[in-house]
Protein backbone atom coordinates (compact mmCIF):
# COMPACT_ATOMS: atom_id res chain seq x y z
CA UNK A 1 110.20 -5.95 45.87
CA UNK A 2 110.26 -2.33 45.08
CA UNK A 3 112.44 -1.51 42.03
CA UNK A 4 112.51 2.10 42.97
CA UNK A 5 116.04 2.69 44.35
CA UNK A 6 116.54 5.76 46.62
CA UNK A 7 118.10 8.84 45.09
CA UNK A 8 121.85 8.54 44.90
CA UNK A 9 123.94 11.49 46.41
CA UNK A 10 126.15 13.51 44.03
CA UNK A 11 129.59 12.12 43.63
CA UNK A 12 132.43 13.41 45.72
CA UNK A 13 136.17 13.56 45.37
CA UNK A 14 138.45 11.70 47.50
CA UNK A 15 138.80 14.52 49.90
CA UNK A 16 134.94 14.61 50.45
CA UNK A 17 134.21 17.99 48.56
CA UNK A 18 131.76 18.22 45.57
CA UNK A 19 133.49 18.23 42.33
CA UNK A 20 132.08 21.58 41.22
CA UNK A 21 133.63 23.34 44.23
CA UNK A 22 137.18 23.51 42.89
CA UNK A 23 136.06 24.89 39.65
CA UNK A 24 133.81 27.47 41.44
CA UNK A 25 136.83 28.45 43.52
CA UNK A 26 139.12 28.82 40.52
CA UNK A 27 136.41 30.79 38.88
CA UNK A 28 136.06 33.12 41.83
CA UNK A 29 139.75 33.65 41.87
CA UNK A 30 139.75 34.58 38.19
CA UNK A 31 136.92 37.08 38.61
CA UNK A 32 138.63 38.60 41.71
CA UNK A 33 141.83 38.91 39.59
CA UNK A 34 139.84 40.58 36.84
CA UNK A 35 138.37 42.99 39.13
CA UNK A 36 141.68 44.00 40.68
CA UNK A 37 143.12 44.44 37.08
CA UNK A 38 140.08 46.58 36.15
CA UNK A 39 140.38 48.55 39.32
CA UNK A 40 144.07 49.23 38.76
CA UNK A 41 143.49 50.30 35.06
CA UNK A 42 140.59 52.59 36.02
CA UNK A 43 142.74 54.46 38.50
CA UNK A 44 145.54 54.74 35.89
CA UNK A 45 143.35 55.78 33.13
CA UNK A 46 141.06 58.02 35.26
CA UNK A 47 143.01 61.28 34.27
CA UNK A 48 142.51 60.29 30.53
CA UNK A 49 138.83 59.57 31.16
CA UNK A 50 138.33 63.09 32.68
CA UNK A 51 139.84 64.64 29.74
CA UNK A 52 137.72 62.83 27.39
CA UNK A 53 134.71 63.86 29.39
CA UNK A 54 135.77 67.57 29.41
CA UNK A 55 136.55 67.38 25.57
CA UNK A 56 132.99 65.99 24.87
CA UNK A 57 131.20 68.71 26.74
CA UNK A 58 133.37 71.33 25.07
CA UNK A 59 132.47 69.76 21.63
CA UNK A 60 128.82 69.73 22.57
CA UNK A 61 128.87 73.46 23.54
CA UNK A 62 130.85 74.26 20.26
CA UNK A 63 128.47 72.24 17.98
CA UNK A 64 125.75 74.97 17.50
CA UNK A 65 128.18 77.48 16.39
CA UNK A 66 130.05 75.20 14.05
CA UNK A 67 126.70 73.94 12.61
CA UNK A 68 125.62 77.60 11.89
CA UNK A 69 128.89 77.97 9.93
CA UNK A 70 128.57 74.63 8.05
CA UNK A 71 124.87 75.59 7.00
CA UNK A 72 126.46 78.64 5.36
CA UNK A 73 128.71 76.29 3.13
CA UNK A 74 131.78 76.71 5.31
CA UNK A 75 133.70 73.31 5.38
CA UNK A 76 133.38 71.63 8.81
CA UNK A 77 137.07 71.37 9.54
CA UNK A 78 137.44 75.22 8.88
CA UNK A 79 134.28 75.93 10.63
CA UNK A 80 135.77 74.04 13.73
CA UNK A 81 139.00 75.83 13.46
CA UNK A 82 137.50 79.33 13.35
CA UNK A 83 135.09 78.54 16.35
CA UNK A 84 138.06 77.29 18.52
CA UNK A 85 140.41 80.18 17.43
CA UNK A 86 137.90 82.62 18.43
CA UNK A 87 137.38 80.87 21.67
CA UNK A 88 140.99 80.70 22.53
CA UNK A 89 141.50 84.31 21.58
CA UNK A 90 138.68 85.28 24.04
CA UNK A 91 140.17 83.18 26.84
CA UNK A 92 143.66 84.50 26.22
CA UNK A 93 142.54 88.15 26.19
CA UNK A 94 140.73 87.48 29.40
CA UNK A 95 143.87 85.97 31.03
CA UNK A 96 145.99 88.81 29.75
CA UNK A 97 143.59 91.24 31.47
CA UNK A 98 143.50 89.25 34.59
CA UNK A 99 147.31 89.24 34.86
CA UNK A 100 147.57 92.89 34.17
CA UNK A 101 144.99 93.54 36.90
CA UNK A 102 146.71 91.42 39.46
CA UNK A 103 150.29 93.09 38.72
CA UNK A 104 148.68 96.61 38.92
CA UNK A 105 146.69 95.96 41.97
CA UNK A 106 149.73 94.34 43.68
CA UNK A 107 151.93 97.45 42.78
CA UNK A 108 149.30 99.91 43.99
CA UNK A 109 148.77 98.26 47.17
CA UNK A 110 152.53 98.01 47.84
CA UNK A 111 152.68 101.86 47.11
CA UNK A 112 149.64 102.63 49.21
CA UNK A 113 150.44 100.21 52.18
CA UNK A 114 152.28 102.65 54.29
CA UNK A 115 149.51 105.32 53.82
CA UNK A 116 146.85 102.74 54.73
CA UNK A 117 148.67 101.62 57.75
CA UNK A 118 149.16 105.12 58.94
CA UNK A 119 145.52 105.73 58.56
CA UNK A 120 144.59 102.37 60.35
CA UNK A 121 146.98 103.17 63.20
CA UNK A 122 145.52 106.58 63.49
CA UNK A 123 141.93 105.04 63.72
CA UNK A 124 143.00 102.52 66.43
CA UNK A 125 144.63 105.27 68.42
CA UNK A 126 141.60 107.31 68.34
CA UNK A 127 138.95 104.56 68.90
CA UNK A 128 140.96 102.76 71.80
CA UNK A 129 143.07 105.44 73.17
CA UNK A 130 146.19 103.98 72.35
CA UNK A 131 149.56 105.35 71.05
CA UNK A 132 150.87 103.04 68.54
CA UNK A 133 153.11 104.28 65.83
CA UNK A 134 154.78 102.84 62.60
CA UNK A 135 158.01 102.48 64.56
CA UNK A 136 156.39 100.11 67.07
CA UNK A 137 154.98 98.12 64.04
CA UNK A 138 158.24 97.77 62.20
CA UNK A 139 160.06 96.70 65.47
CA UNK A 140 157.37 94.15 66.03
CA UNK A 141 157.94 92.74 62.47
CA UNK A 142 161.73 92.79 62.84
CA UNK A 143 161.45 90.71 65.96
CA UNK A 144 159.40 88.13 64.13
CA UNK A 145 161.61 88.23 61.18
CA UNK A 146 162.37 84.44 61.80
CA UNK A 147 158.83 83.77 61.15
CA UNK A 148 158.64 85.61 57.83
CA UNK A 149 161.94 84.12 56.78
CA UNK A 150 160.36 80.68 57.31
CA UNK A 151 157.72 81.62 55.03
CA UNK A 152 159.91 82.92 52.50
CA UNK A 153 162.04 79.76 52.57
CA UNK A 154 158.99 77.60 52.23
CA UNK A 155 157.73 79.52 49.51
CA UNK A 156 161.21 79.25 47.71
CA UNK A 157 161.13 75.45 48.27
CA UNK A 158 157.58 75.15 46.69
CA UNK A 159 158.72 77.09 43.45
CA UNK A 160 159.56 73.97 41.70
CA UNK A 161 156.47 72.06 42.68
CA UNK A 162 154.21 75.08 41.67
CA UNK A 163 156.11 75.25 38.26
CA UNK A 164 155.66 71.64 37.78
CA UNK A 165 151.81 71.88 38.48
CA UNK A 166 151.47 74.85 36.04
CA UNK A 167 153.28 72.88 33.29
CA UNK A 168 151.14 69.89 33.79
CA UNK A 169 147.96 71.89 33.90
CA UNK A 170 149.00 73.60 30.62
CA UNK A 171 149.61 70.12 29.09
CA UNK A 172 146.31 68.86 30.08
CA UNK A 173 144.72 72.01 28.69
CA UNK A 174 146.13 71.52 25.37
CA UNK A 175 145.24 67.80 25.26
CA UNK A 176 141.70 68.79 26.14
CA UNK A 177 141.73 71.41 23.31
CA UNK A 178 143.08 68.75 20.89
CA UNK A 179 140.54 66.13 21.61
CA UNK A 180 137.76 68.80 21.48
CA UNK A 181 138.77 69.83 18.11
CA UNK A 182 138.81 66.12 16.86
CA UNK A 183 135.39 65.35 18.48
CA UNK A 184 133.77 68.49 16.95
CA UNK A 185 135.17 68.24 13.52
CA UNK A 186 134.34 64.55 13.31
CA UNK A 187 131.04 64.80 15.05
CA UNK A 188 129.14 63.40 12.15
CA UNK A 189 131.52 60.43 11.71
CA UNK A 190 131.18 59.78 15.58
CA UNK A 191 127.42 59.71 15.45
CA UNK A 192 127.52 57.56 12.35
CA UNK A 193 129.95 55.11 14.03
CA UNK A 194 127.70 54.83 17.00
CA UNK A 195 124.36 54.46 14.92
CA UNK A 196 125.91 51.65 13.02
CA UNK A 197 126.19 49.53 16.24
CA UNK A 198 122.50 50.14 17.25
CA UNK A 199 119.12 48.85 15.79
CA UNK A 200 117.10 51.41 13.95
CA UNK A 201 114.73 51.98 16.82
CA UNK A 202 117.77 52.72 19.18
CA UNK A 203 119.53 54.86 16.61
CA UNK A 204 116.53 57.32 16.84
CA UNK A 205 116.67 57.22 20.59
CA UNK A 206 120.44 57.84 20.50
CA UNK A 207 120.32 60.87 18.08
CA UNK A 208 117.61 62.50 20.11
CA UNK A 209 119.63 62.14 23.38
CA UNK A 210 122.63 63.59 21.47
CA UNK A 211 120.50 66.56 20.27
CA UNK A 212 119.34 67.23 23.96
CA UNK A 213 122.75 67.20 25.17
CA UNK A 214 123.92 69.78 22.52
CA UNK A 215 120.82 71.85 23.21
CA UNK A 216 121.32 71.90 26.90
CA UNK A 217 125.23 72.23 26.97
CA UNK A 218 125.18 74.90 24.21
CA UNK A 219 122.29 76.78 25.80
CA UNK A 220 124.04 76.82 29.04
CA UNK A 221 127.27 78.44 27.48
CA UNK A 222 125.38 80.81 25.50
CA UNK A 223 122.95 82.01 28.29
CA UNK A 224 125.99 82.33 30.57
CA UNK A 225 127.87 84.30 27.87
CA UNK A 226 124.86 86.80 27.74
CA UNK A 227 124.88 87.03 31.63
CA UNK A 228 128.62 87.77 31.54
CA UNK A 229 128.23 90.47 29.06
CA UNK A 230 125.33 92.22 30.98
CA UNK A 231 127.40 91.84 34.21
CA UNK A 232 130.52 93.23 32.63
CA UNK A 233 128.77 96.27 31.24
CA UNK A 234 126.92 97.19 34.48
CA UNK A 235 129.86 96.65 36.65
CA UNK A 236 132.34 98.30 34.39
CA UNK A 237 130.02 101.37 34.30
CA UNK A 238 129.77 101.49 38.18
CA UNK A 239 133.48 101.25 38.64
CA UNK A 240 134.20 103.91 36.16
CA UNK A 241 131.68 106.11 38.00
CA UNK A 242 133.54 105.28 41.16
CA UNK A 243 136.86 106.41 39.47
CA UNK A 244 138.54 103.08 39.86
CA UNK A 245 141.50 102.21 37.58
CA UNK A 246 140.90 99.72 34.73
CA UNK A 247 137.18 99.59 35.05
CA UNK A 248 136.86 97.74 31.78
CA UNK A 249 138.95 94.93 32.79
CA UNK A 250 137.40 94.93 36.27
CA UNK A 251 133.96 94.69 34.57
CA UNK A 252 135.12 91.68 32.38
CA UNK A 253 136.44 90.05 35.60
CA UNK A 254 133.14 90.61 37.34
CA UNK A 255 131.25 89.36 34.14
CA UNK A 256 132.94 86.10 33.76
CA UNK A 257 133.02 84.94 37.45
CA UNK A 258 129.61 86.02 38.28
CA UNK A 259 128.18 84.22 35.13
CA UNK A 260 129.92 81.04 35.58
CA UNK A 261 129.70 80.51 39.30
CA UNK A 262 125.98 80.36 40.39
CA UNK A 263 124.57 82.20 43.30
CA UNK A 264 127.98 83.41 44.90
CA UNK A 265 129.90 84.27 41.69
CA UNK A 266 129.39 88.17 42.14
CA UNK A 267 130.65 87.86 45.77
CA UNK A 268 133.85 85.99 44.76
CA UNK A 269 134.38 88.29 41.82
CA UNK A 270 134.07 91.33 44.22
CA UNK A 271 137.30 90.37 46.07
CA UNK A 272 139.67 91.77 43.39
CA UNK A 273 137.84 95.13 42.82
CA UNK A 274 137.78 95.49 46.60
CA UNK A 275 141.50 95.35 46.87
CA UNK A 276 141.74 97.86 43.99
CA UNK A 277 139.41 100.07 45.82
CA UNK A 278 141.39 100.03 49.01
CA UNK A 279 144.39 101.22 47.07
CA UNK A 280 142.36 104.24 46.12
CA UNK A 281 139.84 105.04 48.78
CA UNK A 282 138.64 102.67 51.46
CA UNK A 283 135.10 104.06 51.16
CA UNK A 284 134.98 102.79 47.60
CA UNK A 285 135.50 99.28 48.69
CA UNK A 286 132.28 99.66 50.79
CA UNK A 287 130.45 100.76 47.64
CA UNK A 288 131.68 97.90 45.65
CA UNK A 289 130.64 95.19 48.24
CA UNK A 290 127.07 96.96 48.43
CA UNK A 291 126.66 96.86 44.66
CA UNK A 292 127.86 93.44 44.30
CA UNK A 293 125.19 92.20 46.92
CA UNK A 294 122.47 94.10 45.17
CA UNK A 295 123.44 92.97 41.57
CA UNK A 296 123.62 89.27 42.60
CA UNK A 297 120.11 89.46 43.94
CA UNK A 298 118.88 91.13 40.66
CA UNK A 299 120.70 88.60 38.67
CA UNK A 300 119.33 85.64 40.58
CA UNK A 301 115.79 86.78 40.56
CA UNK A 302 115.20 89.13 37.62
CA UNK A 303 117.81 88.39 34.94
CA UNK A 304 118.54 84.76 35.06
CA UNK A 305 115.21 83.36 35.07
CA UNK A 306 114.27 85.45 31.82
CA UNK A 307 117.58 84.72 30.08
CA UNK A 308 117.73 80.87 30.90
CA UNK A 309 113.89 80.33 30.27
CA UNK A 310 114.56 79.00 26.76
CA UNK A 311 118.01 77.44 27.24
CA UNK A 312 118.91 76.00 30.65
CA UNK A 313 116.31 76.32 33.47
CA UNK A 314 117.81 74.65 36.47
CA UNK A 315 116.69 75.61 40.05
CA UNK A 316 119.22 77.91 41.85
CA UNK A 317 119.47 75.51 44.82
CA UNK A 318 119.87 72.53 42.56
CA UNK A 319 122.58 74.38 40.51
CA UNK A 320 124.59 75.25 43.52
CA UNK A 321 124.29 71.72 44.71
CA UNK A 322 125.38 70.27 41.42
CA UNK A 323 128.40 72.61 41.49
CA UNK A 324 129.44 71.50 44.92
CA UNK A 325 129.09 67.81 44.00
CA UNK A 326 130.95 68.30 40.73
CA UNK A 327 133.65 70.15 42.55
CA UNK A 328 134.05 67.44 45.18
CA UNK A 329 134.22 64.68 42.61
CA UNK A 330 136.33 66.38 39.84
CA UNK A 331 137.54 69.67 41.36
CA UNK A 332 137.16 72.88 39.29
CA UNK A 333 136.56 70.92 35.99
CA UNK A 334 133.63 69.02 37.64
CA UNK A 335 132.10 72.37 38.97
CA UNK A 336 132.22 73.86 35.47
CA UNK A 337 130.45 70.88 33.83
CA UNK A 338 127.99 70.29 36.71
CA UNK A 339 125.24 72.64 35.49
CA UNK A 340 125.05 71.47 31.94
CA UNK A 341 125.29 67.66 32.92
CA UNK A 342 122.30 68.38 35.42
CA UNK A 343 120.39 70.14 32.75
CA UNK A 344 120.84 67.27 30.41
CA UNK A 345 119.81 64.72 32.83
CA UNK A 346 116.79 66.84 33.80
CA UNK A 347 115.71 66.97 30.20
CA UNK A 348 116.00 63.26 29.86
CA UNK A 349 113.83 62.81 33.03
CA UNK A 350 111.40 65.21 31.72
CA UNK A 351 110.90 63.26 28.42
CA UNK A 352 111.39 59.73 29.52
CA UNK A 353 109.77 59.70 32.99
CA UNK A 354 105.90 59.46 33.00
CA UNK A 355 104.04 62.45 34.34
CA UNK A 356 100.44 62.63 35.57
CA UNK A 357 97.98 65.50 35.67
CA UNK A 358 97.83 67.05 39.05
CA UNK A 359 94.39 67.58 40.46
CA UNK A 360 93.58 71.22 41.56
CA UNK A 361 93.86 71.47 45.18
CA UNK A 362 94.31 74.78 47.25
CA UNK A 363 96.74 73.06 49.60
CA UNK A 364 99.23 72.92 46.72
CA UNK A 365 99.76 76.50 46.65
CA UNK A 366 98.82 76.96 50.43
CA UNK A 367 96.22 79.52 49.41
CA UNK A 368 93.76 78.48 52.09
CA UNK A 369 94.36 78.66 55.95
CA UNK A 370 94.81 75.20 57.51
CA UNK A 371 91.85 74.26 59.81
CA UNK A 372 91.90 71.78 62.76
CA UNK A 373 89.68 68.84 62.11
CA UNK A 374 88.25 67.26 65.11
CA UNK A 375 87.53 63.79 64.54
CA UNK A 376 83.99 62.75 65.89
CA UNK A 377 83.23 59.23 67.06
CA UNK A 378 80.00 57.66 65.64
CA UNK A 379 77.26 57.67 68.24
CA UNK A 380 76.19 54.39 69.50
CA UNK A 381 72.59 53.64 68.86
């Protein structure tokens, strides 16, 4: 008689299901609940996370200037305060100049609109053989006054919403500034705290990654500042030659926008000077557009490669793609942070991804003409 008994099936409950199944279902419900809780918390805290990311990048950008002052025996807290006060002063000066420009441009356009309309109507009459007058235009506007009134009512209704948005934006800016100051002033303490939680080998990797992020973010900021200075001087001089009002303020506007928005920044910056030029002489607007196109080409292919060669070298197409992706994810903040983040990732990849020597082949540079190769079948013996 064979003593080996057949393998017994696992015990089952009275309902016929395996005993581990209720426990697995309960565990799945717990994990699902934790996922829902984490998703809810993430969406609630997304704004704070974005503020922390922006403050972190700002602290990285400010770190080189603060380190220079610290090496000259300035206390780190005082050095951080001096750097941020100087930065805020520059930002406030730029905003004040921009507001002044917008007010003066709007006032000049309001004064010059009748003259520009008269000249435009005369040109239309000569070119198309019409007989329009200012009276006809005013009557048409009066007949459509209901539409204008509707637009005015909508704008008045949105005043409160716009005011709330502006106040919320100011609160976010102040919060970002506060976190940036704390992260910059306490940079050594933050690095020491993180290193205390890592093994010695990983500490070196972390510190090297931190240095790379500082170099790329700071390098991006300072190279852009240099490009902005060059652009401001060149455009300010050109606008002064044209005789436009406020050429220095317009030059600063050109410099900031053209430097910090890649590829198309100069074209965007040209919109405001074009309106200013229209209030003086429409022909000047044509000259402004032509000069902006030429300068953008010079900046992309001559100035930028030389200035960013030792700081942040990101391909123009990749930079534009990064800005578009950052804007789609985080809006204007993401667009501003896209290039330094891309440069940092690119630096990590260049150091930690293995590269191989490339064999010399004329097909790489396409220095030889392609030849059609005819495949010959081997002859039968």
